[in-house]
């Protein structure tokens, strides 16, 4: 599935489509820049999602507080259960670097679309 196909599929979910960047998120992106947001995204995915058994799985991603957190919920990349349901990523298996990169690329695509729609 391509990023565009994934975003289209997610947009048909009432829950996933309900997430949007807020003005505070836009300001944070403006302050930090997209490169920093991407680094944060890579860190969050590596630390909170990539382990075979993430700490507090299912509750590790806050619903607000960082643009990446919103993207994770909007893109069903917030926990291993959602990754399994939406993308058939096996639970209890560490994510490979390629899987992590694909997740980061999807999250950043969502953030960029949201950012551009709000500018």
Protein backbone atom coordinates (compact mmCIF):
# COMPACT_ATOMS: atom_id res chain seq x y z
CA UNK A 1 0.00 0.00 0.00
CA UNK A 2 1.34 3.43 -0.92
CA UNK A 3 1.24 6.42 1.41
CA UNK A 4 -1.54 7.99 -0.67
CA UNK A 5 -3.56 4.76 -0.54
CA UNK A 6 -3.08 4.51 3.23
CA UNK A 7 -4.10 8.13 3.78
CA UNK A 8 -7.16 7.66 1.56
CA UNK A 9 -8.20 4.54 3.47
CA UNK A 10 -7.67 6.27 6.82
CA UNK A 11 -9.76 9.25 5.68
CA UNK A 12 -12.77 6.92 5.39
CA UNK A 13 -12.57 6.09 9.11
CA UNK A 14 -14.67 8.49 11.17
CA UNK A 15 -12.30 8.11 14.13
CA UNK A 16 -9.01 8.44 12.19
CA UNK A 17 -10.35 11.37 10.13
CA UNK A 18 -11.27 13.26 13.31
CA UNK A 19 -7.63 14.11 14.08
CA UNK A 20 -6.24 17.43 12.86
CA UNK A 21 -3.32 19.65 13.73
CA UNK A 22 -4.32 22.53 15.95
CA UNK A 23 -2.94 26.07 15.84
CA UNK A 24 -0.58 25.21 18.71
CA UNK A 25 0.80 22.28 16.66
CA UNK A 26 1.30 24.51 13.61
CA UNK A 27 3.19 27.03 15.76
CA UNK A 28 5.35 24.23 17.20
CA UNK A 29 6.21 23.04 13.68
CA UNK A 30 7.00 26.62 12.65
CA UNK A 31 9.33 26.99 15.66
CA UNK A 32 11.12 23.65 15.33
CA UNK A 33 11.01 23.00 11.58
CA UNK A 34 10.08 19.81 9.73
CA UNK A 35 13.54 18.26 10.12
CA UNK A 36 13.22 18.37 13.91
CA UNK A 37 9.66 17.04 13.75
CA UNK A 38 10.93 14.14 11.63
CA UNK A 39 13.66 13.39 14.20
CA UNK A 40 11.06 13.41 16.96
CA UNK A 41 8.93 11.09 14.86
CA UNK A 42 11.83 8.69 14.33
CA UNK A 43 12.56 8.72 18.07
CA UNK A 44 8.92 8.10 19.07
CA UNK A 45 8.56 5.22 16.60
CA UNK A 46 11.87 3.65 17.61
CA UNK A 47 11.31 3.98 21.36
CA UNK A 48 7.56 3.56 21.76
CA UNK A 49 6.44 1.40 18.83
CA UNK A 50 9.36 -0.65 17.51
CA UNK A 51 10.02 -2.95 20.48
CA UNK A 52 8.40 -6.38 20.28
CA UNK A 53 6.53 -5.61 23.50
CA UNK A 54 6.36 -1.84 23.96
CA UNK A 55 5.89 -0.51 27.46
CA UNK A 56 2.21 0.32 28.11
CA UNK A 57 1.24 -0.94 24.64
CA UNK A 58 -2.12 0.48 23.68
CA UNK A 59 -1.63 3.46 25.97
CA UNK A 60 1.84 4.68 25.00
CA UNK A 61 0.72 7.47 22.66
CA UNK A 62 -0.94 10.55 24.17
CA UNK A 63 -3.89 12.05 22.29
CA UNK A 64 -2.31 15.53 22.27
CA UNK A 65 0.86 17.41 23.12
CA UNK A 66 2.92 16.88 19.95
CA UNK A 67 2.08 16.87 16.22
CA UNK A 68 3.53 13.35 15.91
CA UNK A 69 1.12 12.01 18.54
CA UNK A 70 -1.84 13.30 16.53
CA UNK A 71 -0.37 11.81 13.36
CA UNK A 72 0.10 8.46 15.07
CA UNK A 73 -3.59 8.31 15.98
CA UNK A 74 -4.73 9.65 12.61
CA UNK A 75 -2.60 7.06 10.80
CA UNK A 76 -3.31 4.09 13.11
CA UNK A 77 0.35 3.95 14.14
CA UNK A 78 -0.27 4.60 17.82
CA UNK A 79 0.15 1.06 19.16
CA UNK A 80 0.94 -2.44 18.01
CA UNK A 81 -2.76 -3.38 18.00
CA UNK A 82 -3.58 -0.64 15.49
CA UNK A 83 -0.53 -1.48 13.38
CA UNK A 84 -1.71 -5.07 13.26
CA UNK A 85 -5.33 -4.21 12.48
CA UNK A 86 -4.62 -1.63 9.79
CA UNK A 87 -1.36 -2.84 8.26
CA UNK A 88 -1.05 -6.49 9.36
CA UNK A 89 2.20 -5.78 11.22
CA UNK A 90 2.66 -8.76 13.56
CA UNK A 91 2.49 -8.11 17.27
CA UNK A 92 5.31 -9.21 19.57
CA UNK A 93 7.89 -8.86 16.80
CA UNK A 94 10.39 -6.00 16.80
CA UNK A 95 9.87 -3.59 13.92
CA UNK A 96 12.63 -3.65 11.36
CA UNK A 97 14.42 -0.43 10.36
CA UNK A 98 12.51 -0.54 7.04
CA UNK A 99 9.16 -0.87 8.81
CA UNK A 100 10.08 2.03 11.08
CA UNK A 101 11.06 4.15 8.09
CA UNK A 102 7.76 3.41 6.34
CA UNK A 103 5.80 4.39 9.45
CA UNK A 104 7.79 7.61 9.82
CA UNK A 105 7.23 8.44 6.14
CA UNK A 106 3.47 7.91 6.52
CA UNK A 107 3.30 10.03 9.68
CA UNK A 108 5.32 12.82 8.10
CA UNK A 109 3.14 12.77 4.98
CA UNK A 110 0.06 13.21 7.18
CA UNK A 111 1.72 16.03 9.14
CA UNK A 112 2.80 17.79 5.95
CA UNK A 113 -0.70 17.58 4.44
CA UNK A 114 -2.27 18.90 7.62
CA UNK A 115 0.32 21.64 7.91
CA UNK A 116 -0.17 22.78 4.31
CA UNK A 117 -3.98 22.79 4.71
CA UNK A 118 -3.67 25.08 7.72
CA UNK A 119 -1.19 27.57 6.24
